Amino acid sequence: MKQNDEQEVKNDSQEISSFNSVTDHYRNIMGVPTNKVDMKKMPRVLRFFGYFVFAVIAVCSVIFIVMYLLQFL
């Protein structure tokens, strides 16, 4: 029983608070998730896919900036 109470407290501390009453209403009606994503709980394939997509976006952004700056030389 004690372990369940600790997990509930831990989950409540990670909950994202509402910005105002409109977002609170939208969250209650539409069911928007309120907890932050814990990458350690996701399956390994999804984690690697997310890291890969983020890395590709970062590399493409750096290449774009370098190419943009090289056109002025």
N, C-alpha and C. Protein backbone atom coordinates (compact mmCIF):
# COMPACT_ATOMS: atom_id res chain seq x y z
N MET A 1 0.83 -1.19 0.00
CA MET A 1 0.00 0.00 0.00
C MET A 1 0.87 1.25 0.00
N LYS A 2 1.93 1.22 0.76
CA LYS A 2 2.80 2.39 0.85
C LYS A 2 3.45 2.69 -0.49
N GLN A 3 3.80 1.65 -1.24
CA GLN A 3 4.45 1.84 -2.52
C GLN A 3 3.51 2.52 -3.52
N ASN A 4 2.25 2.15 -3.52
CA ASN A 4 1.29 2.78 -4.42
C ASN A 4 1.11 4.26 -4.10
N ASP A 5 1.10 4.61 -2.81
CA ASP A 5 0.97 6.01 -2.41
C ASP A 5 2.17 6.81 -2.88
N GLU A 6 3.37 6.24 -2.78
CA GLU A 6 4.58 6.94 -3.22
C GLU A 6 4.56 7.14 -4.73
N GLN A 7 4.07 6.15 -5.48
CA GLN A 7 4.00 6.29 -6.93
C GLN A 7 3.00 7.37 -7.33
N GLU A 8 1.88 7.45 -6.62
CA GLU A 8 0.89 8.49 -6.92
C GLU A 8 1.45 9.87 -6.65
N VAL A 9 2.18 10.02 -5.56
CA VAL A 9 2.79 11.31 -5.24
C VAL A 9 3.82 11.67 -6.31
N LYS A 10 4.61 10.70 -6.73
CA LYS A 10 5.63 10.93 -7.76
C LYS A 10 4.97 11.33 -9.07
N ASN A 11 3.89 10.65 -9.44
CA ASN A 11 3.19 10.98 -10.68
C ASN A 11 2.55 12.36 -10.62
N ASP A 12 2.03 12.75 -9.45
CA ASP A 12 1.40 14.05 -9.32
C ASP A 12 2.41 15.18 -9.44
N SER A 13 3.65 14.96 -9.00
CA SER A 13 4.66 16.02 -9.07
C SER A 13 5.10 16.28 -10.50
N GLN A 14 4.93 15.32 -11.41
CA GLN A 14 5.33 15.49 -12.79
C GLN A 14 4.21 16.04 -13.65
N GLU A 15 3.05 16.25 -13.09
CA GLU A 15 1.92 16.73 -13.87
C GLU A 15 2.10 18.19 -14.24
N ILE A 16 1.77 18.53 -15.46
CA ILE A 16 1.90 19.88 -15.96
C ILE A 16 0.66 20.68 -15.54
N SER A 17 0.87 21.83 -14.91
CA SER A 17 -0.26 22.61 -14.46
C SER A 17 -0.87 23.39 -15.62
N SER A 18 -2.14 23.79 -15.46
CA SER A 18 -2.84 24.53 -16.50
C SER A 18 -2.37 25.97 -16.54
N PHE A 19 -2.37 26.53 -17.75
CA PHE A 19 -1.98 27.92 -17.94
C PHE A 19 -3.07 28.86 -17.44
N ASN A 20 -4.31 28.55 -17.78
CA ASN A 20 -5.45 29.34 -17.32
C ASN A 20 -6.70 28.47 -17.36
N SER A 21 -7.85 29.05 -17.08
CA SER A 21 -9.08 28.25 -17.01
C SER A 21 -9.49 27.69 -18.37
N VAL A 22 -9.13 28.38 -19.44
CA VAL A 22 -9.49 27.89 -20.78
C VAL A 22 -8.73 26.60 -21.09
N THR A 23 -7.43 26.60 -20.84
CA THR A 23 -6.65 25.38 -21.10
C THR A 23 -7.06 24.26 -20.15
N ASP A 24 -7.44 24.58 -18.94
CA ASP A 24 -7.93 23.57 -18.01
C ASP A 24 -9.22 22.95 -18.52
N HIS A 25 -10.14 23.78 -19.01
CA HIS A 25 -11.39 23.29 -19.57
C HIS A 25 -11.12 22.42 -20.80
N TYR A 26 -10.25 22.87 -21.69
CA TYR A 26 -9.92 22.10 -22.90
C TYR A 26 -9.30 20.76 -22.52
N ARG A 27 -8.43 20.78 -21.51
CA ARG A 27 -7.78 19.54 -21.07
C ARG A 27 -8.81 18.57 -20.51
N ASN A 28 -9.79 19.07 -19.76
CA ASN A 28 -10.80 18.19 -19.17
C ASN A 28 -11.77 17.66 -20.22
N ILE A 29 -12.15 18.49 -21.19
CA ILE A 29 -13.11 18.07 -22.20
C ILE A 29 -12.46 17.19 -23.27
N MET A 30 -11.31 17.62 -23.80
CA MET A 30 -10.68 16.92 -24.90
C MET A 30 -9.75 15.79 -24.44
N GLY A 31 -9.31 15.83 -23.20
CA GLY A 31 -8.46 14.76 -22.70
C GLY A 31 -7.00 14.90 -23.09
N VAL A 32 -6.47 16.09 -23.02
CA VAL A 32 -5.08 16.34 -23.35
C VAL A 32 -4.20 15.73 -22.25
N PRO A 33 -3.10 15.05 -22.60
CA PRO A 33 -2.24 14.46 -21.56
C PRO A 33 -1.62 15.53 -20.67
N THR A 34 -1.51 15.23 -19.38
CA THR A 34 -1.00 16.21 -18.44
C THR A 34 0.38 15.85 -17.89
N ASN A 35 0.85 14.65 -18.15
CA ASN A 35 2.14 14.23 -17.61
C ASN A 35 3.24 14.40 -18.66
N LYS A 36 4.45 14.70 -18.18
CA LYS A 36 5.59 14.79 -19.07
C LYS A 36 5.98 13.40 -19.55
N VAL A 37 6.60 13.34 -20.72
CA VAL A 37 7.00 12.07 -21.29
C VAL A 37 8.27 11.59 -20.59
N ASP A 38 8.25 10.35 -20.14
CA ASP A 38 9.43 9.74 -19.55
C ASP A 38 10.04 8.81 -20.59
N MET A 39 11.16 9.24 -21.17
CA MET A 39 11.77 8.48 -22.26
C MET A 39 12.25 7.10 -21.80
N LYS A 40 12.56 6.94 -20.52
CA LYS A 40 13.05 5.66 -20.04
C LYS A 40 11.96 4.59 -20.02
N LYS A 41 10.70 5.00 -19.99
CA LYS A 41 9.60 4.05 -19.96
C LYS A 41 9.14 3.66 -21.36
N MET A 42 9.60 4.37 -22.37
CA MET A 42 9.18 4.06 -23.74
C MET A 42 9.93 2.84 -24.26
N PRO A 43 9.35 2.10 -25.21
CA PRO A 43 10.07 0.96 -25.80
C PRO A 43 11.35 1.43 -26.49
N ARG A 44 12.34 0.55 -26.51
CA ARG A 44 13.65 0.88 -27.04
C ARG A 44 13.58 1.35 -28.50
N VAL A 45 12.75 0.71 -29.32
CA VAL A 45 12.65 1.07 -30.74
C VAL A 45 12.14 2.51 -30.89
N LEU A 46 11.14 2.89 -30.11
CA LEU A 46 10.61 4.24 -30.20
C LEU A 46 11.61 5.28 -29.70
N ARG A 47 12.36 4.93 -28.65
CA ARG A 47 13.39 5.85 -28.15
C ARG A 47 14.44 6.10 -29.21
N PHE A 48 14.94 5.03 -29.84
CA PHE A 48 15.97 5.18 -30.87
C PHE A 48 15.43 5.94 -32.07
N PHE A 49 14.17 5.70 -32.43
CA PHE A 49 13.57 6.44 -33.54
C PHE A 49 13.49 7.93 -33.20
N GLY A 50 13.09 8.26 -31.99
CA GLY A 50 13.02 9.65 -31.57
C GLY A 50 14.39 10.31 -31.57
N TYR A 51 15.40 9.60 -31.05
CA TYR A 51 16.75 10.14 -31.05
C TYR A 51 17.25 10.33 -32.49
N PHE A 52 16.93 9.38 -33.38
CA PHE A 52 17.36 9.47 -34.77
C PHE A 52 16.72 10.68 -35.46
N VAL A 53 15.43 10.87 -35.27
CA VAL A 53 14.74 12.00 -35.90
C VAL A 53 15.30 13.32 -35.36
N PHE A 54 15.51 13.40 -34.07
CA PHE A 54 16.07 14.62 -33.47
C PHE A 54 17.47 14.88 -34.02
N ALA A 55 18.28 13.83 -34.15
CA ALA A 55 19.65 13.99 -34.66
C ALA A 55 19.64 14.45 -36.12
N VAL A 56 18.74 13.89 -36.93
CA VAL A 56 18.66 14.29 -38.34
C VAL A 56 18.24 15.75 -38.45
N ILE A 57 17.29 16.18 -37.65
CA ILE A 57 16.87 17.58 -37.67
C ILE A 57 18.01 18.49 -37.26
N ALA A 58 18.75 18.10 -36.23
CA ALA A 58 19.87 18.92 -35.76
C ALA A 58 20.97 19.01 -36.81
N VAL A 59 21.32 17.89 -37.43
CA VAL A 59 22.37 17.89 -38.45
C VAL A 59 21.94 18.71 -39.66
N CYS A 60 20.70 18.55 -40.09
CA CYS A 60 20.20 19.33 -41.24
C CYS A 60 20.19 20.82 -40.92
N SER A 61 19.87 21.18 -39.70
CA SER A 61 19.88 22.60 -39.31
C SER A 61 21.29 23.17 -39.37
N VAL A 62 22.25 22.40 -38.86
CA VAL A 62 23.63 22.87 -38.90
C VAL A 62 24.11 22.99 -40.34
N ILE A 63 23.80 22.02 -41.19
CA ILE A 63 24.20 22.08 -42.60
C ILE A 63 23.55 23.29 -43.27
N PHE A 64 22.29 23.55 -42.98
CA PHE A 64 21.61 24.70 -43.57
C PHE A 64 22.29 26.01 -43.17
N ILE A 65 22.64 26.14 -41.91
CA ILE A 65 23.29 27.37 -41.44
C ILE A 65 24.66 27.54 -42.09
N VAL A 66 25.42 26.44 -42.18
CA VAL A 66 26.74 26.52 -42.82
C VAL A 66 26.61 26.89 -44.28
N MET A 67 25.69 26.27 -45.00
CA MET A 67 25.50 26.59 -46.42
C MET A 67 25.03 28.03 -46.60
N TYR A 68 24.20 28.51 -45.71
CA TYR A 68 23.72 29.89 -45.79
C TYR A 68 24.87 30.87 -45.58
N LEU A 69 25.73 30.57 -44.64
CA LEU A 69 26.87 31.46 -44.38
C LEU A 69 27.92 31.38 -45.49
N LEU A 70 28.06 30.23 -46.14
CA LEU A 70 29.04 30.09 -47.20
C LEU A 70 28.67 30.86 -48.45
N GLN A 71 27.41 31.15 -48.66
CA GLN A 71 27.04 31.87 -49.87
C GLN A 71 27.48 33.32 -49.83
N PHE A 72 27.85 33.84 -48.65
CA PHE A 72 28.28 35.23 -48.54
C PHE A 72 29.80 35.36 -48.69
N LEU A 73 30.52 34.26 -48.81
CA LEU A 73 31.98 34.33 -48.95
C LEU A 73 32.41 34.49 -50.38
